[in-house]
Amino acid sequence: MKRIGIVIGGIIVIALLIAIYLFTKKTQGIQNKSPDFTLTPQQFIQAFLKNPKQADNLYQNKVIQLQGVPHKTMEKPLKIVYQAPEYSIDILLDTTLYQKVPEQILSVKALYIGYEAPDSLLELPGVIRLQYGVINPQ
């Protein structure tokens, strides 16, 4: 019985270590990685208006670089928001690379993680989510 408990405990520890490795692997290197796509926020949103499922498949786990003036910035959580009537783009910034977000045209690289379609019943716009964002100097 003790051996089974030790084996199960060992498997759990190994699974946790693998999960931590995979999580930190994604956050490493976004700053130094070339973007898979460079777009304006309007072009990015347009892809989701045209065909959301196709856009989701195209951008899934890809590094996206957006260039434009953000509509707002927030400090808790640290994020940049680009907005249009149909969708908003929320980019959670990498807090280990904290810097004050200037109110100007920004070039932001981040990992696309998913979207939520607009809800016409509740009249809510869709949300396109990116994370591990870093601001590149212009």
C-alpha atoms as a PDB file:
ATOM      1  CA  MET A   1       0.000   0.000   0.000  1.00  0.00           C
ATOM      2  CA  LYS A   2       2.816   2.404   0.850  1.00  0.00           C
ATOM      3  CA  ARG A   3       4.502   1.655  -2.466  1.00  0.00           C
ATOM      4  CA  ILE A   4       1.339   2.559  -4.398  1.00  0.00           C
ATOM      5  CA  GLY A   5       1.107   5.857  -2.505  1.00  0.00           C
ATOM      6  CA  ILE A   6       4.755   6.634  -3.247  1.00  0.00           C
ATOM      7  CA  VAL A   7       4.321   5.808  -6.955  1.00  0.00           C
ATOM      8  CA  ILE A   8       1.172   7.959  -7.223  1.00  0.00           C
ATOM      9  CA  GLY A   9       2.916  10.802  -5.379  1.00  0.00           C
ATOM     10  CA  GLY A  10       5.885  10.533  -7.727  1.00  0.00           C
ATOM     11  CA  ILE A  11       3.628  10.650 -10.776  1.00  0.00           C
ATOM     12  CA  ILE A  12       1.885  13.763  -9.434  1.00  0.00           C
ATOM     13  CA  VAL A  13       5.213  15.509  -8.764  1.00  0.00           C
ATOM     14  CA  ILE A  14       6.476  14.674 -12.272  1.00  0.00           C
ATOM     15  CA  ALA A  15       3.214  15.935 -13.836  1.00  0.00           C
ATOM     16  CA  LEU A  16       3.488  19.217 -11.898  1.00  0.00           C
ATOM     17  CA  LEU A  17       7.103  19.705 -12.974  1.00  0.00           C
ATOM     18  CA  ILE A  18       6.164  19.122 -16.619  1.00  0.00           C
ATOM     19  CA  ALA A  19       3.257  21.609 -16.349  1.00  0.00           C
ATOM     20  CA  ILE A  20       5.540  24.251 -14.792  1.00  0.00           C
ATOM     21  CA  TYR A  21       8.146  23.685 -17.508  1.00  0.00           C
ATOM     22  CA  LEU A  22       5.589  24.037 -20.315  1.00  0.00           C
ATOM     23  CA  PHE A  23       4.109  27.186 -18.757  1.00  0.00           C
ATOM     24  CA  THR A  24       7.465  28.915 -18.317  1.00  0.00           C
ATOM     25  CA  LYS A  25       8.625  27.788 -21.765  1.00  0.00           C
ATOM     26  CA  LYS A  26       5.813  29.837 -23.350  1.00  0.00           C
ATOM     27  CA  THR A  27       6.714  32.968 -21.397  1.00  0.00           C
ATOM     28  CA  GLN A  28      10.401  32.711 -22.263  1.00  0.00           C
ATOM     29  CA  GLY A  29      11.462  34.062 -25.564  1.00  0.00           C
ATOM     30  CA  ILE A  30       8.377  36.035 -26.658  1.00  0.00           C
ATOM     31  CA  GLN A  31      10.487  39.145 -26.339  1.00  0.00           C
ATOM     32  CA  ASN A  32      13.199  37.685 -28.581  1.00  0.00           C
ATOM     33  CA  LYS A  33      10.927  35.709 -30.916  1.00  0.00           C
ATOM     34  CA  SER A  34       9.957  37.015 -34.326  1.00  0.00           C
ATOM     35  CA  PRO A  35       6.203  37.515 -34.642  1.00  0.00           C
ATOM     36  CA  ASP A  36       4.240  35.039 -36.750  1.00  0.00           C
ATOM     37  CA  PHE A  37       1.893  37.869 -37.817  1.00  0.00           C
ATOM     38  CA  THR A  38       2.270  41.675 -37.782  1.00  0.00           C
ATOM     39  CA  LEU A  39      -1.078  43.460 -37.992  1.00  0.00           C
ATOM     40  CA  THR A  40      -2.956  46.554 -36.962  1.00  0.00           C
ATOM     41  CA  PRO A  41      -5.641  45.998 -34.331  1.00  0.00           C
ATOM     42  CA  GLN A  42      -8.276  46.697 -37.021  1.00  0.00           C
ATOM     43  CA  GLN A  43      -6.868  43.993 -39.332  1.00  0.00           C
ATOM     44  CA  PHE A  44      -6.791  41.515 -36.441  1.00  0.00           C
ATOM     45  CA  ILE A  45     -10.400  42.252 -35.493  1.00  0.00           C
ATOM     46  CA  GLN A  46     -11.495  42.104 -39.152  1.00  0.00           C
ATOM     47  CA  ALA A  47     -10.259  38.507 -39.397  1.00  0.00           C
ATOM     48  CA  PHE A  48     -12.589  37.546 -36.522  1.00  0.00           C
ATOM     49  CA  LEU A  49     -15.523  39.432 -38.052  1.00  0.00           C
ATOM     50  CA  LYS A  50     -15.030  37.648 -41.365  1.00  0.00           C
ATOM     51  CA  ASN A  51     -14.672  34.085 -40.017  1.00  0.00           C
ATOM     52  CA  PRO A  52     -14.054  33.656 -36.258  1.00  0.00           C
ATOM     53  CA  LYS A  53     -13.318  29.914 -36.313  1.00  0.00           C
ATOM     54  CA  GLN A  54     -10.867  30.225 -39.183  1.00  0.00           C
ATOM     55  CA  ALA A  55      -9.121  33.171 -37.482  1.00  0.00           C
ATOM     56  CA  ASP A  56      -8.950  31.225 -34.212  1.00  0.00           C
ATOM     57  CA  ASN A  57      -7.331  28.253 -35.969  1.00  0.00           C
ATOM     58  CA  LEU A  58      -4.922  30.495 -37.879  1.00  0.00           C
ATOM     59  CA  TYR A  59      -3.677  32.461 -34.851  1.00  0.00           C
ATOM     60  CA  GLN A  60      -3.842  29.766 -32.123  1.00  0.00           C
ATOM     61  CA  ASN A  61      -0.588  29.746 -30.092  1.00  0.00           C
ATOM     62  CA  LYS A  62       1.056  32.180 -32.517  1.00  0.00           C
ATOM     63  CA  VAL A  63       2.987  35.315 -31.604  1.00  0.00           C
ATOM     64  CA  ILE A  64       1.058  38.332 -32.876  1.00  0.00           C
ATOM     65  CA  GLN A  65       2.545  41.807 -33.171  1.00  0.00           C
ATOM     66  CA  LEU A  66      -0.038  44.590 -33.114  1.00  0.00           C
ATOM     67  CA  GLN A  67       0.816  48.159 -34.034  1.00  0.00           C
ATOM     68  CA  GLY A  68      -1.591  50.932 -33.084  1.00  0.00           C
ATOM     69  CA  VAL A  69      -2.742  53.360 -30.417  1.00  0.00           C
ATOM     70  CA  PRO A  70      -4.420  51.544 -27.507  1.00  0.00           C
ATOM     71  CA  HIS A  71      -7.861  52.690 -26.362  1.00  0.00           C
ATOM     72  CA  LYS A  72      -6.962  52.185 -22.725  1.00  0.00           C
ATOM     73  CA  THR A  73      -4.342  50.723 -20.452  1.00  0.00           C
ATOM     74  CA  MET A  74      -4.916  49.161 -17.066  1.00  0.00           C
ATOM     75  CA  GLU A  75      -2.525  48.487 -14.224  1.00  0.00           C
ATOM     76  CA  LYS A  76      -4.464  45.791 -12.322  1.00  0.00           C
ATOM     77  CA  PRO A  77      -4.193  43.483 -14.177  1.00  0.00           C
ATOM     78  CA  LEU A  78      -1.504  45.048 -16.312  1.00  0.00           C
ATOM     79  CA  LYS A  79      -3.019  45.087 -19.776  1.00  0.00           C
ATOM     80  CA  ILE A  80      -3.564  47.040 -22.968  1.00  0.00           C
ATOM     81  CA  VAL A  81      -6.962  47.189 -24.666  1.00  0.00           C
ATOM     82  CA  TYR A  82      -7.713  47.922 -28.314  1.00  0.00           C
ATOM     83  CA  GLN A  83     -11.415  48.378 -29.002  1.00  0.00           C
ATOM     84  CA  ALA A  84     -13.892  48.276 -31.869  1.00  0.00           C
ATOM     85  CA  PRO A  85     -17.700  48.065 -31.675  1.00  0.00           C
ATOM     86  CA  GLU A  86     -17.756  44.308 -32.309  1.00  0.00           C
ATOM     87  CA  TYR A  87     -14.610  43.133 -30.500  1.00  0.00           C
ATOM     88  CA  SER A  88     -12.026  44.299 -28.022  1.00  0.00           C
ATOM     89  CA  ILE A  89      -8.480  42.970 -27.918  1.00  0.00           C
ATOM     90  CA  ASP A  90      -7.185  42.376 -24.375  1.00  0.00           C
ATOM     91  CA  ILE A  91      -3.418  41.915 -24.064  1.00  0.00           C
ATOM     92  CA  LEU A  92      -2.153  40.858 -20.646  1.00  0.00           C
ATOM     93  CA  LEU A  93       1.398  42.178 -20.341  1.00  0.00           C
ATOM     94  CA  ASP A  94       4.291  40.195 -18.936  1.00  0.00           C
ATOM     95  CA  THR A  95       4.632  41.696 -15.453  1.00  0.00           C
ATOM     96  CA  THR A  96       8.289  40.673 -15.186  1.00  0.00           C
ATOM     97  CA  LEU A  97       9.033  43.190 -17.952  1.00  0.00           C
ATOM     98  CA  TYR A  98       6.982  45.989 -16.369  1.00  0.00           C
ATOM     99  CA  GLN A  99       7.193  49.417 -17.869  1.00  0.00           C
ATOM    100  CA  LYS A 100       4.878  52.401 -17.938  1.00  0.00           C
ATOM    101  CA  VAL A 101       2.631  52.123 -20.980  1.00  0.00           C
ATOM    102  CA  PRO A 102       2.874  55.276 -23.077  1.00  0.00           C
ATOM    103  CA  GLU A 103      -0.240  56.785 -24.674  1.00  0.00           C
ATOM    104  CA  GLN A 104       1.024  56.601 -28.242  1.00  0.00           C
ATOM    105  CA  ILE A 105       1.350  54.178 -31.130  1.00  0.00           C
ATOM    106  CA  LEU A 106       2.646  50.941 -29.657  1.00  0.00           C
ATOM    107  CA  SER A 107       4.110  47.810 -31.114  1.00  0.00           C
ATOM    108  CA  VAL A 108       3.064  44.970 -28.802  1.00  0.00           C
ATOM    109  CA  LYS A 109       4.006  41.308 -29.194  1.00  0.00           C
ATOM    110  CA  ALA A 110       1.906  38.692 -27.440  1.00  0.00           C
ATOM    111  CA  LEU A 111       0.740  35.087 -27.658  1.00  0.00           C
ATOM    112  CA  TYR A 112      -2.806  34.588 -28.977  1.00  0.00           C
ATOM    113  CA  ILE A 113      -4.769  32.297 -26.642  1.00  0.00           C
ATOM    114  CA  GLY A 114      -8.399  32.532 -27.756  1.00  0.00           C
ATOM    115  CA  TYR A 115     -11.535  34.565 -28.265  1.00  0.00           C
ATOM    116  CA  GLU A 116     -15.118  34.888 -27.093  1.00  0.00           C
ATOM    117  CA  ALA A 117     -17.723  35.649 -29.751  1.00  0.00           C
ATOM    118  CA  PRO A 118     -20.023  38.674 -29.370  1.00  0.00           C
ATOM    119  CA  ASP A 119     -23.234  37.998 -27.439  1.00  0.00           C
ATOM    120  CA  SER A 120     -26.138  39.660 -29.242  1.00  0.00           C
ATOM    121  CA  LEU A 121     -28.628  38.685 -26.521  1.00  0.00           C
ATOM    122  CA  LEU A 122     -26.722  40.573 -23.820  1.00  0.00           C
ATOM    123  CA  GLU A 123     -25.336  43.085 -26.340  1.00  0.00           C
ATOM    124  CA  LEU A 124     -21.738  42.325 -25.359  1.00  0.00           C
ATOM    125  CA  PRO A 125     -18.847  42.690 -27.793  1.00  0.00           C
ATOM    126  CA  GLY A 126     -16.503  39.784 -28.401  1.00  0.00           C
ATOM    127  CA  VAL A 127     -13.115  39.604 -26.733  1.00  0.00           C
ATOM    128  CA  ILE A 128      -9.858  38.495 -28.353  1.00  0.00           C
ATOM    129  CA  ARG A 129      -7.310  37.452 -25.736  1.00  0.00           C
ATOM    130  CA  LEU A 130      -3.530  37.547 -25.867  1.00  0.00           C
ATOM    131  CA  GLN A 131      -1.031  37.067 -23.049  1.00  0.00           C
ATOM    132  CA  TYR A 132       2.660  37.389 -22.187  1.00  0.00           C
ATOM    133  CA  GLY A 133       2.657  40.734 -23.998  1.00  0.00           C
ATOM    134  CA  VAL A 134       5.802  42.814 -24.336  1.00  0.00           C
ATOM    135  CA  ILE A 135       6.013  46.358 -25.636  1.00  0.00           C
ATOM    136  CA  ASN A 136       8.585  46.825 -28.363  1.00  0.00           C
ATOM    137  CA  PRO A 137      10.216  50.201 -28.826  1.00  0.00           C
ATOM    138  CA  GLN A 138       9.161  51.987 -32.030  1.00  0.00           C
END
